[in-house]
C-alpha atoms as a PDB file:
ATOM      1  CA  MET A   1     -18.144   4.073 -24.389  1.00  0.00           C
ATOM      2  CA  ALA A   2     -16.323   6.562 -22.265  1.00  0.00           C
ATOM      3  CA  ASP A   3     -12.883   6.271 -22.407  1.00  0.00           C
ATOM      4  CA  PHE A   4     -12.246   7.347 -18.822  1.00  0.00           C
ATOM      5  CA  LEU A   5     -13.976   5.830 -15.317  1.00  0.00           C
ATOM      6  CA  ILE A   6     -14.595   6.270 -11.892  1.00  0.00           C
ATOM      7  CA  VAL A   7     -14.066   2.889 -10.105  1.00  0.00           C
ATOM      8  CA  ILE A   8     -15.658   2.398  -6.130  1.00  0.00           C
ATOM      9  CA  THR A   9     -15.045  -0.505  -3.922  1.00  0.00           C
ATOM     10  CA  THR A  10     -15.450  -0.598   0.259  1.00  0.00           C
ATOM     11  CA  VAL A  11     -13.794  -2.759   2.713  1.00  0.00           C
ATOM     12  CA  ASP A  12     -13.797  -3.087   7.067  1.00  0.00           C
ATOM     13  CA  ASN A  13     -10.823  -1.439   7.221  1.00  0.00           C
ATOM     14  CA  GLN A  14      -8.133   1.300   6.970  1.00  0.00           C
ATOM     15  CA  ASP A  15      -5.128  -0.723   5.712  1.00  0.00           C
ATOM     16  CA  ALA A  16      -6.520  -2.969   3.465  1.00  0.00           C
ATOM     17  CA  ALA A  17      -8.182  -0.006   2.071  1.00  0.00           C
ATOM     18  CA  ARG A  18      -4.695   1.515   1.720  1.00  0.00           C
ATOM     19  CA  LYS A  19      -3.473  -1.506   0.460  1.00  0.00           C
ATOM     20  CA  LEU A  20      -5.549  -1.583  -2.679  1.00  0.00           C
ATOM     21  CA  SER A  21      -5.250   1.936  -3.408  1.00  0.00           C
ATOM     22  CA  ARG A  22      -1.393   1.583  -3.503  1.00  0.00           C
ATOM     23  CA  SER A  23      -1.400  -1.853  -5.349  1.00  0.00           C
ATOM     24  CA  THR A  24      -3.498  -1.114  -8.163  1.00  0.00           C
ATOM     25  CA  VAL A  25      -1.204   2.414  -8.408  1.00  0.00           C
ATOM     26  CA  GLU A  26       1.762   0.174  -8.824  1.00  0.00           C
ATOM     27  CA  ALA A  27      -0.062  -2.505 -11.042  1.00  0.00           C
ATOM     28  CA  SER A  28      -0.694   0.259 -13.594  1.00  0.00           C
ATOM     29  CA  LEU A  29      -4.478  -0.680 -13.431  1.00  0.00           C
ATOM     30  CA  ALA A  30      -5.457   3.098 -11.600  1.00  0.00           C
ATOM     31  CA  ALA A  31      -3.858   6.284 -12.115  1.00  0.00           C
ATOM     32  CA  SER A  32      -4.849   7.038  -8.546  1.00  0.00           C
ATOM     33  CA  GLY A  33      -6.947   5.293  -5.517  1.00  0.00           C
ATOM     34  CA  GLN A  34      -8.197   7.879  -2.749  1.00  0.00           C
ATOM     35  CA  VAL A  35      -9.323   6.148   0.571  1.00  0.00           C
ATOM     36  CA  THR A  36     -12.446   7.620   2.134  1.00  0.00           C
ATOM     37  CA  GLY A  37     -13.295   6.811   5.662  1.00  0.00           C
ATOM     38  CA  PRO A  38     -14.795   5.591   7.864  1.00  0.00           C
ATOM     39  CA  ILE A  39     -17.795   5.577   6.816  1.00  0.00           C
ATOM     40  CA  GLU A  40     -21.072   4.150   8.368  1.00  0.00           C
ATOM     41  CA  THR A  41     -23.050   1.617   6.245  1.00  0.00           C
ATOM     42  CA  THR A  42     -26.374   0.113   6.740  1.00  0.00           C
ATOM     43  CA  TYR A  43     -26.874  -3.451   4.229  1.00  0.00           C
ATOM     44  CA  ARG A  44     -28.924  -6.540   3.620  1.00  0.00           C
ATOM     45  CA  HIS A  45     -26.686  -9.634   3.962  1.00  0.00           C
ATOM     46  CA  LEU A  46     -28.214 -12.941   3.997  1.00  0.00           C
ATOM     47  CA  GLY A  47     -31.531 -11.906   4.642  1.00  0.00           C
ATOM     48  CA  GLU A  48     -30.608  -9.973   7.887  1.00  0.00           C
ATOM     49  CA  ILE A  49     -30.109  -6.077   8.071  1.00  0.00           C
ATOM     50  CA  SER A  50     -26.980  -5.379   9.276  1.00  0.00           C
ATOM     51  CA  GLU A  51     -24.583  -1.790  10.634  1.00  0.00           C
ATOM     52  CA  GLY A  52     -20.918  -1.280   9.849  1.00  0.00           C
ATOM     53  CA  THR A  53     -17.956   0.882   9.475  1.00  0.00           C
ATOM     54  CA  GLU A  54     -16.635   0.994   5.921  1.00  0.00           C
ATOM     55  CA  TYR A  55     -13.715   2.521   3.660  1.00  0.00           C
ATOM     56  CA  GLN A  56     -14.716   3.526   0.260  1.00  0.00           C
ATOM     57  CA  VAL A  57     -11.696   3.587  -2.333  1.00  0.00           C
ATOM     58  CA  THR A  58     -12.269   5.422  -5.704  1.00  0.00           C
ATOM     59  CA  PHE A  59      -9.698   4.526  -8.452  1.00  0.00           C
ATOM     60  CA  ARG A  60      -9.545   6.818 -11.846  1.00  0.00           C
ATOM     61  CA  THR A  61      -8.527   4.749 -14.620  1.00  0.00           C
ATOM     62  CA  THR A  62      -9.616   3.784 -18.135  1.00  0.00           C
ATOM     63  CA  ASN A  63     -12.144   1.782 -19.774  1.00  0.00           C
ATOM     64  CA  ASP A  64      -9.416  -0.670 -21.189  1.00  0.00           C
ATOM     65  CA  ARG A  65      -8.208  -1.496 -17.576  1.00  0.00           C
ATOM     66  CA  ARG A  66     -11.628  -1.877 -16.360  1.00  0.00           C
ATOM     67  CA  GLU A  67     -11.528  -5.075 -16.622  1.00  0.00           C
ATOM     68  CA  ALA A  68      -8.169  -5.813 -15.177  1.00  0.00           C
ATOM     69  CA  LEU A  69      -9.110  -3.860 -12.203  1.00  0.00           C
ATOM     70  CA  GLU A  70     -12.266  -5.554 -11.502  1.00  0.00           C
ATOM     71  CA  LYS A  71     -10.374  -8.881 -11.640  1.00  0.00           C
ATOM     72  CA  TYR A  72      -7.307  -7.817  -9.412  1.00  0.00           C
ATOM     73  CA  LEU A  73     -10.117  -6.190  -6.649  1.00  0.00           C
ATOM     74  CA  VAL A  74     -12.027  -9.168  -6.495  1.00  0.00           C
ATOM     75  CA  ASP A  75      -8.886 -11.634  -6.478  1.00  0.00           C
ATOM     76  CA  ASN A  76      -7.434  -9.104  -3.545  1.00  0.00           C
ATOM     77  CA  HIS A  77     -10.706  -7.939  -1.926  1.00  0.00           C
ATOM     78  CA  PRO A  78     -11.192  -9.034   1.968  1.00  0.00           C
ATOM     79  CA  TYR A  79     -15.188  -9.764   0.763  1.00  0.00           C
ATOM     80  CA  ASP A  80     -16.256 -12.872  -0.487  1.00  0.00           C
ATOM     81  CA  SER A  81     -18.462 -10.505  -3.173  1.00  0.00           C
ATOM     82  CA  PRO A  82     -17.176  -7.340  -2.951  1.00  0.00           C
ATOM     83  CA  GLU A  83     -18.707  -4.038  -4.794  1.00  0.00           C
ATOM     84  CA  VAL A  84     -16.904  -3.049  -7.444  1.00  0.00           C
ATOM     85  CA  THR A  85     -18.801  -0.401  -9.674  1.00  0.00           C
ATOM     86  CA  ALA A  86     -18.111   1.596 -11.862  1.00  0.00           C
ATOM     87  CA  PHE A  87     -19.107   5.124 -13.431  1.00  0.00           C
ATOM     88  CA  THR A  88     -18.462   7.041 -16.292  1.00  0.00           C
ATOM     89  CA  ILE A  89     -15.790  10.552 -16.372  1.00  0.00           C
ATOM     90  CA  ASP A  90     -18.549  12.341 -19.259  1.00  0.00           C
ATOM     91  CA  ALA A  91     -15.529  15.702 -18.854  1.00  0.00           C
ATOM     92  CA  GLY A  92     -12.962  16.334 -17.881  1.00  0.00           C
ATOM     93  CA  ARG A  93      -9.655  18.987 -18.538  1.00  0.00           C
ATOM     94  CA  ALA A  94      -7.532  17.086 -21.543  1.00  0.00           C
ATOM     95  CA  GLU A  95      -4.332  17.438 -19.878  1.00  0.00           C
ATOM     96  CA  TYR A  96      -5.982  15.669 -16.478  1.00  0.00           C
ATOM     97  CA  LEU A  97      -7.262  12.532 -18.845  1.00  0.00           C
ATOM     98  CA  ASP A  98      -4.027  12.263 -20.427  1.00  0.00           C
ATOM     99  CA  TRP A  99      -2.500  12.069 -17.504  1.00  0.00           C
ATOM    100  CA  ILE A 100      -4.865   9.021 -16.194  1.00  0.00           C
ATOM    101  CA  THR A 101      -3.916   7.236 -19.958  1.00  0.00           C
ATOM    102  CA  ARG A 102      -0.623   7.861 -18.920  1.00  0.00           C
ATOM    103  CA  ALA A 103      -0.568   6.399 -15.496  1.00  0.00           C
ATOM    104  CA  THR A 104      -2.390   3.339 -16.084  1.00  0.00           C
ATOM    105  CA  ARG A 105       0.454   2.666 -19.253  1.00  0.00           C
END
């Protein structure tokens, strides 16, 4: 399993995105959190197609912090069933990856 991950979630407002980004870094669950948006979203929920505006939060973390980060995001997320997806970082500068490790300890 890869040692480094990018984890993504979305929320419905910028303040919530900033709060999740900052609080996860403060808790050493992620080395960084980036807020992107607004983004336009089309989705199916309860059998209906809906559209809305969201903000995406992208985290860099280590695989051994993934489970704790996911739990934290779910527990502190404004949605009942939030998106929390993870993608492996297959390659990166050694110094950058070392920073992710140091920042999540």
